[in-house]
Amino acid sequence: MLTLFVLLATVTGLVQAQQKTNGAAEKETVFCFSAKSNGAVFTGNDNAVNFVTTNPMTVEQSLSTEQSEQKLQSTLHDNAETTAVVSTSQNKPSPYYLGFSGGLSFGRTTFASFAMDETHPGFNLGVLGGYKINKRLSAEISLDYTRMKLGTYDCCQNLWLGKDGNRYFAPLTGVNSYKYSDLTSTTNLIGLGAHLNRDLLSIWKESSKWSAFLSPAIYGVYSNAVVKQLDTKVRTASTIHFGGGLDLALGYTITPKIGLRLTTGINYLTGAIDALPREEHKITYVWNSSLKLIYKL
């Protein structure tokens, strides 16, 4: 009986000891350090709360690194946008252009290029500067030099030019006179023109290498003419003229910078350009045909 009591007491004591051990284990607090975060972690089962402490210097370094990366990304983005804007600006063609021209010229006033005996073709040289307003319109300023040799009409070949600069139906007695059929007039013209070009082809086709221009123009022209009988100078005269005209042109774009334009047009001027008296033939015009080289800036 005594032995049974001792055995029961022993078992009861072991059970209580085991319960105390388990309770102590549940209440025990575990303390550890995290090498990665340089902080401490506390764990407790009583309140089931975990605490993580982080080093303030590490947090500051992390924020500084993130801010630097954000600034770098913002700078790269701004640079990319600036580069795109500059590239777009560089690729946009300039509206300004220059041109050089040369070709044939014919004229009519008291004398004419299409004279009674033969045709006398002249020549013209010029430079121009232009501004392209839009796809259909452009404006130009031109400076041209024209040189022509003019002769008499069939109807006037028996008229006479007196030394006094007047026209006569017969030679005057005691006055030097020159028969029209023996005379020629060499005329030099310097013209400043303003042109407005309308591209007719763009009405039907906006994007094309070809263009067709209709160009009204106004002019201020200085003329200097020398009348000769063979190699003898008979008379000279210089005059200022004003006028207007209309040109037709066919153009072709070779490259984005270079183009060609074939132009022809008649320009009507005030006054005579051949240093002869203006009696019957009172219409004065110059017909220029030229090939122009256009360079876009």
C-alpha atoms as a PDB file:
ATOM      1  CA  MET A   1       0.000   0.000   0.000  1.00  0.00           C
ATOM      2  CA  LEU A   2       2.813   2.353   0.881  1.00  0.00           C
ATOM      3  CA  THR A   3       4.557   1.467  -2.315  1.00  0.00           C
ATOM      4  CA  LEU A   4       1.453   2.327  -4.406  1.00  0.00           C
ATOM      5  CA  PHE A   5       1.148   5.729  -2.683  1.00  0.00           C
ATOM      6  CA  VAL A   6       4.799   6.586  -3.369  1.00  0.00           C
ATOM      7  CA  LEU A   7       4.405   5.622  -7.034  1.00  0.00           C
ATOM      8  CA  LEU A   8       1.286   7.821  -7.407  1.00  0.00           C
ATOM      9  CA  ALA A   9       3.006  10.804  -5.806  1.00  0.00           C
ATOM     10  CA  THR A  10       6.000  10.397  -8.068  1.00  0.00           C
ATOM     11  CA  VAL A  11       3.837  10.348 -11.241  1.00  0.00           C
ATOM     12  CA  THR A  12       1.868  13.398 -10.065  1.00  0.00           C
ATOM     13  CA  GLY A  13       5.132  15.330  -9.459  1.00  0.00           C
ATOM     14  CA  LEU A  14       6.471  14.469 -12.925  1.00  0.00           C
ATOM     15  CA  VAL A  15       3.269  15.663 -14.562  1.00  0.00           C
ATOM     16  CA  GLN A  16       3.351  19.003 -12.709  1.00  0.00           C
ATOM     17  CA  ALA A  17       7.040  19.439 -13.527  1.00  0.00           C
ATOM     18  CA  GLN A  18       6.332  18.821 -17.215  1.00  0.00           C
ATOM     19  CA  GLN A  19       3.483  21.372 -17.216  1.00  0.00           C
ATOM     20  CA  LYS A  20       5.735  24.007 -15.595  1.00  0.00           C
ATOM     21  CA  THR A  21       8.418  23.297 -18.171  1.00  0.00           C
ATOM     22  CA  ASN A  22       5.964  23.752 -21.068  1.00  0.00           C
ATOM     23  CA  GLY A  23       4.594  26.982 -19.564  1.00  0.00           C
ATOM     24  CA  ALA A  24       8.043  28.378 -19.172  1.00  0.00           C
ATOM     25  CA  ALA A  25       8.841  27.491 -22.757  1.00  0.00           C
ATOM     26  CA  GLU A  26       5.728  29.301 -24.014  1.00  0.00           C
ATOM     27  CA  LYS A  27       6.600  32.417 -22.007  1.00  0.00           C
ATOM     28  CA  GLU A  28      10.243  32.388 -23.053  1.00  0.00           C
ATOM     29  CA  THR A  29      11.252  35.313 -25.311  1.00  0.00           C
ATOM     30  CA  VAL A  30      13.558  34.687 -28.252  1.00  0.00           C
ATOM     31  CA  PHE A  31      16.067  37.482 -29.089  1.00  0.00           C
ATOM     32  CA  CYS A  32      17.973  37.435 -32.355  1.00  0.00           C
ATOM     33  CA  PHE A  33      19.763  39.813 -34.720  1.00  0.00           C
ATOM     34  CA  SER A  34      19.269  40.110 -38.463  1.00  0.00           C
ATOM     35  CA  ALA A  35      22.567  40.561 -40.218  1.00  0.00           C
ATOM     36  CA  LYS A  36      20.816  41.761 -43.352  1.00  0.00           C
ATOM     37  CA  SER A  37      18.904  44.643 -41.728  1.00  0.00           C
ATOM     38  CA  ASN A  38      21.301  45.365 -38.804  1.00  0.00           C
ATOM     39  CA  GLY A  39      18.281  45.272 -36.453  1.00  0.00           C
ATOM     40  CA  ALA A  40      16.723  43.046 -33.733  1.00  0.00           C
ATOM     41  CA  VAL A  41      13.643  40.824 -33.872  1.00  0.00           C
ATOM     42  CA  PHE A  42      11.557  40.152 -30.738  1.00  0.00           C
ATOM     43  CA  THR A  43       8.965  37.339 -30.624  1.00  0.00           C
ATOM     44  CA  GLY A  44       6.564  36.627 -27.809  1.00  0.00           C
ATOM     45  CA  ASN A  45       3.626  34.226 -27.666  1.00  0.00           C
ATOM     46  CA  ASP A  46       1.791  36.191 -24.947  1.00  0.00           C
ATOM     47  CA  ASN A  47       0.837  39.077 -27.240  1.00  0.00           C
ATOM     48  CA  ALA A  48       1.694  37.419 -30.589  1.00  0.00           C
ATOM     49  CA  VAL A  49       3.456  40.601 -31.791  1.00  0.00           C
ATOM     50  CA  ASN A  50       6.750  40.706 -33.729  1.00  0.00           C
ATOM     51  CA  PHE A  51       8.972  43.807 -33.527  1.00  0.00           C
ATOM     52  CA  VAL A  52      11.548  44.630 -36.236  1.00  0.00           C
ATOM     53  CA  THR A  53      14.024  47.433 -35.679  1.00  0.00           C
ATOM     54  CA  THR A  54      16.012  48.842 -38.641  1.00  0.00           C
ATOM     55  CA  ASN A  55      19.243  50.894 -38.581  1.00  0.00           C
ATOM     56  CA  PRO A  56      18.367  54.631 -39.354  1.00  0.00           C
ATOM     57  CA  MET A  57      21.588  55.125 -41.357  1.00  0.00           C
ATOM     58  CA  THR A  58      20.680  52.199 -43.598  1.00  0.00           C
ATOM     59  CA  VAL A  59      17.221  53.703 -44.217  1.00  0.00           C
ATOM     60  CA  GLU A  60      18.751  57.085 -45.119  1.00  0.00           C
ATOM     61  CA  GLN A  61      21.203  55.464 -47.529  1.00  0.00           C
ATOM     62  CA  SER A  62      18.394  53.496 -49.175  1.00  0.00           C
ATOM     63  CA  LEU A  63      16.242  56.637 -49.635  1.00  0.00           C
ATOM     64  CA  SER A  64      19.233  58.562 -51.040  1.00  0.00           C
ATOM     65  CA  THR A  65      19.903  55.806 -53.568  1.00  0.00           C
ATOM     66  CA  GLU A  66      16.266  55.743 -54.689  1.00  0.00           C
ATOM     67  CA  GLN A  67      16.214  59.553 -55.080  1.00  0.00           C
ATOM     68  CA  SER A  68      19.409  59.445 -57.173  1.00  0.00           C
ATOM     69  CA  GLU A  69      17.946  56.772 -59.418  1.00  0.00           C
ATOM     70  CA  GLN A  70      14.747  58.827 -59.844  1.00  0.00           C
ATOM     71  CA  LYS A  71      16.760  61.985 -60.694  1.00  0.00           C
ATOM     72  CA  LEU A  72      18.859  60.030 -63.208  1.00  0.00           C
ATOM     73  CA  GLN A  73      15.754  58.586 -64.863  1.00  0.00           C
ATOM     74  CA  SER A  74      14.141  62.059 -64.975  1.00  0.00           C
ATOM     75  CA  THR A  75      17.306  63.559 -66.534  1.00  0.00           C
ATOM     76  CA  LEU A  76      17.501  60.813 -69.153  1.00  0.00           C
ATOM     77  CA  HIS A  77      13.807  61.311 -69.977  1.00  0.00           C
ATOM     78  CA  ASP A  78      14.247  65.096 -70.314  1.00  0.00           C
ATOM     79  CA  ASN A  79      17.338  64.612 -72.497  1.00  0.00           C
ATOM     80  CA  ALA A  80      15.443  62.170 -74.698  1.00  0.00           C
ATOM     81  CA  GLU A  81      12.575  64.651 -75.115  1.00  0.00           C
ATOM     82  CA  THR A  82      15.031  67.490 -75.902  1.00  0.00           C
ATOM     83  CA  THR A  83      16.843  65.320 -78.444  1.00  0.00           C
ATOM     84  CA  ALA A  84      13.520  64.425 -80.092  1.00  0.00           C
ATOM     85  CA  VAL A  85      12.531  68.103 -80.315  1.00  0.00           C
ATOM     86  CA  VAL A  86      15.923  69.103 -81.768  1.00  0.00           C
ATOM     87  CA  SER A  87      15.807  66.217 -84.230  1.00  0.00           C
ATOM     88  CA  THR A  88      12.312  67.199 -85.347  1.00  0.00           C
ATOM     89  CA  SER A  89      13.411  70.821 -85.742  1.00  0.00           C
ATOM     90  CA  GLN A  90      16.453  69.802 -87.800  1.00  0.00           C
ATOM     91  CA  ASN A  91      14.424  67.543 -90.064  1.00  0.00           C
ATOM     92  CA  LYS A  92      11.878  70.262 -90.823  1.00  0.00           C
ATOM     93  CA  PRO A  93      12.789  71.835 -94.177  1.00  0.00           C
ATOM     94  CA  SER A  94      13.539  75.549 -94.284  1.00  0.00           C
ATOM     95  CA  PRO A  95      10.974  77.708 -96.138  1.00  0.00           C
ATOM     96  CA  TYR A  96      13.771  79.826 -97.673  1.00  0.00           C
ATOM     97  CA  TYR A  97      15.530  79.062-100.942  1.00  0.00           C
ATOM     98  CA  LEU A  98      17.920  80.574-103.494  1.00  0.00           C
ATOM     99  CA  GLY A  99      18.029  80.268-107.267  1.00  0.00           C
ATOM    100  CA  PHE A 100      20.222  80.937-110.284  1.00  0.00           C
ATOM    101  CA  SER A 101      18.888  81.237-113.820  1.00  0.00           C
ATOM    102  CA  GLY A 102      19.973  81.596-117.400  1.00  0.00           C
ATOM    103  CA  GLY A 103      18.225  81.470-120.766  1.00  0.00           C
ATOM    104  CA  LEU A 104      17.086  83.205-123.954  1.00  0.00           C
ATOM    105  CA  SER A 105      15.387  86.571-124.366  1.00  0.00           C
ATOM    106  CA  PHE A 106      13.376  88.285-127.089  1.00  0.00           C
ATOM    107  CA  GLY A 107      11.947  91.781-127.071  1.00  0.00           C
ATOM    108  CA  ARG A 108       9.740  94.196-128.931  1.00  0.00           C
ATOM    109  CA  THR A 109       9.482  97.961-128.896  1.00  0.00           C
ATOM    110  CA  THR A 110      10.150 100.352-131.838  1.00  0.00           C
ATOM    111  CA  PHE A 111      12.608  97.688-133.009  1.00  0.00           C
ATOM    112  CA  ALA A 112      12.226  93.980-132.276  1.00  0.00           C
ATOM    113  CA  SER A 113      14.161  90.717-131.939  1.00  0.00           C
ATOM    114  CA  PHE A 114      12.074  89.305-134.807  1.00  0.00           C
ATOM    115  CA  ALA A 115      13.344  91.798-137.369  1.00  0.00           C
ATOM    116  CA  MET A 116      12.747  92.013-141.103  1.00  0.00           C
ATOM    117  CA  ASP A 117      15.928  90.211-142.093  1.00  0.00           C
ATOM    118  CA  GLU A 118      16.546  87.753-139.235  1.00  0.00           C
ATOM    119  CA  THR A 119      15.791  86.829-135.660  1.00  0.00           C
ATOM    120  CA  HIS A 120      18.159  88.182-133.008  1.00  0.00           C
ATOM    121  CA  PRO A 121      17.997  86.038-129.838  1.00  0.00           C
ATOM    122  CA  GLY A 122      19.340  87.596-126.672  1.00  0.00           C
ATOM    123  CA  PHE A 123      20.194  86.082-123.286  1.00  0.00           C
ATOM    124  CA  ASN A 124      19.362  86.573-119.635  1.00  0.00           C
ATOM    125  CA  LEU A 125      21.074  85.789-116.330  1.00  0.00           C
ATOM    126  CA  GLY A 126      19.569  86.108-112.887  1.00  0.00           C
ATOM    127  CA  VAL A 127      19.517  85.325-109.191  1.00  0.00           C
ATOM    128  CA  LEU A 128      16.511  84.971-106.927  1.00  0.00           C
ATOM    129  CA  GLY A 129      15.551  84.471-103.323  1.00  0.00           C
ATOM    130  CA  GLY A 130      12.282  82.933-102.235  1.00  0.00           C
ATOM    131  CA  TYR A 131      10.109  82.033 -99.267  1.00  0.00           C
ATOM    132  CA  LYS A 132       7.683  79.103 -99.321  1.00  0.00           C
ATOM    133  CA  ILE A 133       4.507  80.311 -97.606  1.00  0.00           C
ATOM    134  CA  ASN A 134       2.781  76.910 -97.753  1.00  0.00           C
ATOM    135  CA  LYS A 135       2.514  73.924-100.110  1.00  0.00           C
ATOM    136  CA  ARG A 136       0.695  76.005-102.735  1.00  0.00           C
ATOM    137  CA  LEU A 137       2.174  79.499-102.478  1.00  0.00           C
ATOM    138  CA  SER A 138       5.656  81.008-102.504  1.00  0.00           C
ATOM    139  CA  ALA A 139       7.019  84.538-102.901  1.00  0.00           C
ATOM    140  CA  GLU A 140      10.232  85.552-104.689  1.00  0.00           C
ATOM    141  CA  ILE A 141      12.485  88.539-105.337  1.00  0.00           C
ATOM    142  CA  SER A 142      14.577  88.377-108.526  1.00  0.00           C
ATOM    143  CA  LEU A 143      17.435  90.398-110.011  1.00  0.00           C
ATOM    144  CA  ASP A 144      17.976  89.832-113.746  1.00  0.00           C
ATOM    145  CA  TYR A 145      20.300  91.041-116.466  1.00  0.00           C
ATOM    146  CA  THR A 146      19.114  90.846-120.087  1.00  0.00           C
ATOM    147  CA  ARG A 147      20.948  91.733-123.294  1.00  0.00           C
ATOM    148  CA  MET A 148      19.197  91.820-126.678  1.00  0.00           C
ATOM    149  CA  LYS A 149      19.889  92.948-130.237  1.00  0.00           C
ATOM    150  CA  LEU A 150      16.863  94.516-131.950  1.00  0.00           C
ATOM    151  CA  GLY A 151      16.197  95.314-135.628  1.00  0.00           C
ATOM    152  CA  THR A 152      13.556  97.111-137.648  1.00  0.00           C
ATOM    153  CA  TYR A 153      10.182  95.744-138.770  1.00  0.00           C
ATOM    154  CA  ASP A 154       9.371  95.255-142.457  1.00  0.00           C
ATOM    155  CA  CYS A 155       6.890  98.111-142.297  1.00  0.00           C
ATOM    156  CA  CYS A 156       9.491 100.597-141.051  1.00  0.00           C
ATOM    157  CA  GLN A 157      12.544  99.722-143.101  1.00  0.00           C
ATOM    158  CA  ASN A 158      12.231 102.860-145.321  1.00  0.00           C
ATOM    159  CA  LEU A 159      12.002 105.308-142.405  1.00  0.00           C
ATOM    160  CA  TRP A 160      14.909 107.532-141.359  1.00  0.00           C
ATOM    161  CA  LEU A 161      16.384 108.464-137.998  1.00  0.00           C
ATOM    162  CA  GLY A 162      17.729 111.995-137.805  1.00  0.00           C
ATOM    163  CA  LYS A 163      20.743 112.998-135.792  1.00  0.00           C
ATOM    164  CA  ASP A 164      18.361 114.984-133.579  1.00  0.00           C
ATOM    165  CA  GLY A 165      16.660 111.717-132.510  1.00  0.00           C
ATOM    166  CA  ASN A 166      13.433 112.205-134.472  1.00  0.00           C
ATOM    167  CA  ARG A 167      11.879 109.946-137.090  1.00  0.00           C
ATOM    168  CA  TYR A 168      11.498 111.095-140.720  1.00  0.00           C
ATOM    169  CA  PHE A 169      10.012 109.628-143.910  1.00  0.00           C
ATOM    170  CA  ALA A 170      12.979 110.871-145.958  1.00  0.00           C
ATOM    171  CA  PRO A 171      16.506 112.051-145.159  1.00  0.00           C
ATOM    172  CA  LEU A 172      16.807 115.691-144.207  1.00  0.00           C
ATOM    173  CA  THR A 173      18.998 117.980-146.235  1.00  0.00           C
ATOM    174  CA  GLY A 174      22.040 119.109-144.286  1.00  0.00           C
ATOM    175  CA  VAL A 175      21.294 116.757-141.352  1.00  0.00           C
ATOM    176  CA  ASN A 176      22.858 113.374-140.800  1.00  0.00           C
ATOM    177  CA  SER A 177      20.161 110.755-141.224  1.00  0.00           C
ATOM    178  CA  TYR A 178      20.202 106.961-140.995  1.00  0.00           C
ATOM    179  CA  LYS A 179      17.893 104.521-142.676  1.00  0.00           C
ATOM    180  CA  TYR A 180      16.055 102.203-140.302  1.00  0.00           C
ATOM    181  CA  SER A 181      16.935  99.125-142.326  1.00  0.00           C
ATOM    182  CA  ASP A 182      20.634  99.844-141.663  1.00  0.00           C
ATOM    183  CA  LEU A 183      20.251 100.225-137.917  1.00  0.00           C
ATOM    184  CA  THR A 184      20.321  97.856-134.954  1.00  0.00           C
ATOM    185  CA  SER A 185      19.786  98.574-131.272  1.00  0.00           C
ATOM    186  CA  THR A 186      21.679  96.710-128.553  1.00  0.00           C
ATOM    187  CA  THR A 187      19.665  96.892-125.341  1.00  0.00           C
ATOM    188  CA  ASN A 188      20.843  96.104-121.803  1.00  0.00           C
ATOM    189  CA  LEU A 189      18.219  95.646-119.098  1.00  0.00           C
ATOM    190  CA  ILE A 190      18.610  95.301-115.336  1.00  0.00           C
ATOM    191  CA  GLY A 191      15.339  94.300-113.714  1.00  0.00           C
ATOM    192  CA  LEU A 192      14.190  93.890-110.122  1.00  0.00           C
ATOM    193  CA  GLY A 193      11.050  91.785-109.845  1.00  0.00           C
ATOM    194  CA  ALA A 194       8.619  90.585-107.174  1.00  0.00           C
ATOM    195  CA  HIS A 195       6.809  87.296-107.904  1.00  0.00           C
ATOM    196  CA  LEU A 196       3.991  85.313-106.328  1.00  0.00           C
ATOM    197  CA  ASN A 197       4.047  81.636-107.345  1.00  0.00           C
ATOM    198  CA  ARG A 198       0.923  79.486-107.290  1.00  0.00           C
ATOM    199  CA  ASP A 199       1.524  75.748-107.642  1.00  0.00           C
ATOM    200  CA  LEU A 200      -1.407  74.505-109.732  1.00  0.00           C
ATOM    201  CA  LEU A 201      -0.379  70.850-109.557  1.00  0.00           C
ATOM    202  CA  SER A 202      -0.753  70.793-105.756  1.00  0.00           C
ATOM    203  CA  ILE A 203      -4.508  71.293-106.183  1.00  0.00           C
ATOM    204  CA  TRP A 204      -4.810  67.709-107.454  1.00  0.00           C
ATOM    205  CA  LYS A 205      -1.743  66.121-105.860  1.00  0.00           C
ATOM    206  CA  GLU A 206      -0.238  67.616-102.714  1.00  0.00           C
ATOM    207  CA  SER A 207       2.847  65.396-102.535  1.00  0.00           C
ATOM    208  CA  SER A 208       4.747  65.218-105.819  1.00  0.00           C
ATOM    209  CA  LYS A 209       8.237  65.861-107.160  1.00  0.00           C
ATOM    210  CA  TRP A 210       6.646  67.834-110.003  1.00  0.00           C
ATOM    211  CA  SER A 211       5.168  71.305-109.766  1.00  0.00           C
ATOM    212  CA  ALA A 212       3.458  73.685-112.205  1.00  0.00           C
ATOM    213  CA  PHE A 213       3.567  77.388-111.355  1.00  0.00           C
ATOM    214  CA  LEU A 214       1.485  80.348-112.440  1.00  0.00           C
ATOM    215  CA  SER A 215       3.392  83.467-111.380  1.00  0.00           C
ATOM    216  CA  PRO A 216       2.181  87.082-111.654  1.00  0.00           C
ATOM    217  CA  ALA A 217       4.994  89.614-111.198  1.00  0.00           C
ATOM    218  CA  ILE A 218       5.769  93.325-111.063  1.00  0.00           C
ATOM    219  CA  TYR A 219       9.045  94.914-112.198  1.00  0.00           C
ATOM    220  CA  GLY A 220      11.242  97.946-112.028  1.00  0.00           C
ATOM    221  CA  VAL A 221      13.697  97.986-114.977  1.00  0.00           C
ATOM    222  CA  TYR A 222      16.666 100.128-115.942  1.00  0.00           C
ATOM    223  CA  SER A 223      17.518 100.104-119.663  1.00  0.00           C
ATOM    224  CA  ASN A 224      20.548 101.314-121.579  1.00  0.00           C
ATOM    225  CA  ALA A 225      20.452 101.104-125.387  1.00  0.00           C
ATOM    226  CA  VAL A 226      22.977 101.860-128.115  1.00  0.00           C
ATOM    227  CA  VAL A 227      21.831 102.383-131.719  1.00  0.00           C
ATOM    228  CA  LYS A 228      24.416 101.581-134.382  1.00  0.00           C
ATOM    229  CA  GLN A 229      24.780 101.718-138.149  1.00  0.00           C
ATOM    230  CA  LEU A 230      27.141  98.813-138.720  1.00  0.00           C
ATOM    231  CA  ASP A 231      29.916  99.695-136.222  1.00  0.00           C
ATOM    232  CA  THR A 232      29.131 103.408-135.984  1.00  0.00           C
ATOM    233  CA  LYS A 233      27.356 104.545-132.835  1.00  0.00           C
ATOM    234  CA  VAL A 234      24.386 106.720-133.770  1.00  0.00           C
ATOM    235  CA  ARG A 235      22.476 107.245-130.534  1.00  0.00           C
ATOM    236  CA  THR A 236      22.341 106.131-126.871  1.00  0.00           C
ATOM    237  CA  ALA A 237      19.641 106.453-124.222  1.00  0.00           C
ATOM    238  CA  SER A 238      18.962 105.264-120.662  1.00  0.00           C
ATOM    239  CA  THR A 239      15.496 104.995-119.139  1.00  0.00           C
ATOM    240  CA  ILE A 240      13.676 103.720-116.033  1.00  0.00           C
ATOM    241  CA  HIS A 241      10.632 101.510-116.689  1.00  0.00           C
ATOM    242  CA  PHE A 242       7.901  99.906-114.666  1.00  0.00           C
ATOM    243  CA  GLY A 243       5.893  96.886-115.678  1.00  0.00           C
ATOM    244  CA  GLY A 244       4.179  93.635-114.915  1.00  0.00           C
ATOM    245  CA  GLY A 245       3.860  90.201-116.389  1.00  0.00           C
ATOM    246  CA  LEU A 246       2.929  86.585-116.017  1.00  0.00           C
ATOM    247  CA  ASP A 247       5.230  83.552-115.978  1.00  0.00           C
ATOM    248  CA  LEU A 248       4.545  79.857-116.441  1.00  0.00           C
ATOM    249  CA  ALA A 249       6.941  77.310-114.969  1.00  0.00           C
ATOM    250  CA  LEU A 250       7.380  73.561-114.709  1.00  0.00           C
ATOM    251  CA  GLY A 251       9.478  72.380-111.762  1.00  0.00           C
ATOM    252  CA  TYR A 252      11.022  69.105-110.628  1.00  0.00           C
ATOM    253  CA  THR A 253      12.559  68.253-107.230  1.00  0.00           C
ATOM    254  CA  ILE A 254      15.804  66.296-107.725  1.00  0.00           C
ATOM    255  CA  THR A 255      16.678  65.998-104.014  1.00  0.00           C
ATOM    256  CA  PRO A 256      15.105  67.491-100.870  1.00  0.00           C
ATOM    257  CA  LYS A 257      17.558  70.395-101.294  1.00  0.00           C
ATOM    258  CA  ILE A 258      17.869  70.825-105.084  1.00  0.00           C
ATOM    259  CA  GLY A 259      15.305  71.398-107.812  1.00  0.00           C
ATOM    260  CA  LEU A 260      15.015  72.607-111.408  1.00  0.00           C
ATOM    261  CA  ARG A 261      12.458  74.942-112.912  1.00  0.00           C
ATOM    262  CA  LEU A 262      11.832  75.723-116.580  1.00  0.00           C
ATOM    263  CA  THR A 263      10.210  79.161-116.843  1.00  0.00           C
ATOM    264  CA  THR A 264       8.822  81.284-119.649  1.00  0.00           C
ATOM    265  CA  GLY A 265       6.914  84.557-119.499  1.00  0.00           C
ATOM    266  CA  ILE A 266       6.235  87.954-121.039  1.00  0.00           C
ATOM    267  CA  ASN A 267       6.773  91.198-119.136  1.00  0.00           C
ATOM    268  CA  TYR A 268       5.227  94.431-120.404  1.00  0.00           C
ATOM    269  CA  LEU A 269       7.113  97.674-119.719  1.00  0.00           C
ATOM    270  CA  THR A 270       6.428 101.370-119.956  1.00  0.00           C
ATOM    271  CA  GLY A 271       8.344 103.431-122.543  1.00  0.00           C
ATOM    272  CA  ALA A 272      10.778 102.381-125.265  1.00  0.00           C
ATOM    273  CA  ILE A 273      13.850 100.272-124.491  1.00  0.00           C
ATOM    274  CA  ASP A 274      15.761 100.718-127.777  1.00  0.00           C
ATOM    275  CA  ALA A 275      16.693 104.463-127.808  1.00  0.00           C
ATOM    276  CA  LEU A 276      14.453 105.085-130.825  1.00  0.00           C
ATOM    277  CA  PRO A 277      11.526 107.527-131.155  1.00  0.00           C
ATOM    278  CA  ARG A 278       8.251 105.855-130.216  1.00  0.00           C
ATOM    279  CA  GLU A 279       5.819 106.747-132.962  1.00  0.00           C
ATOM    280  CA  GLU A 280       3.824 103.739-134.147  1.00  0.00           C
ATOM    281  CA  HIS A 281       4.978 100.618-132.267  1.00  0.00           C
ATOM    282  CA  LYS A 282       4.071 101.602-128.738  1.00  0.00           C
ATOM    283  CA  ILE A 283       3.926  98.192-127.103  1.00  0.00           C
ATOM    284  CA  THR A 284       7.073  97.201-125.242  1.00  0.00           C
ATOM    285  CA  TYR A 285       7.613  93.731-123.846  1.00  0.00           C
ATOM    286  CA  VAL A 286      10.402  91.291-123.020  1.00  0.00           C
ATOM    287  CA  TRP A 287       9.935  87.557-123.424  1.00  0.00           C
ATOM    288  CA  ASN A 288      12.297  85.595-121.195  1.00  0.00           C
ATOM    289  CA  SER A 289      12.685  81.808-121.118  1.00  0.00           C
ATOM    290  CA  SER A 290      15.119  80.384-118.604  1.00  0.00           C
ATOM    291  CA  LEU A 291      16.215  77.312-116.688  1.00  0.00           C
ATOM    292  CA  LYS A 292      16.473  77.905-112.946  1.00  0.00           C
ATOM    293  CA  LEU A 293      18.452  75.937-110.382  1.00  0.00           C
ATOM    294  CA  ILE A 294      16.744  76.068-106.983  1.00  0.00           C
ATOM    295  CA  TYR A 295      18.616  75.385-103.738  1.00  0.00           C
ATOM    296  CA  LYS A 296      16.579  75.049-100.519  1.00  0.00           C
ATOM    297  CA  LEU A 297      18.288  76.358 -97.390  1.00  0.00           C
END
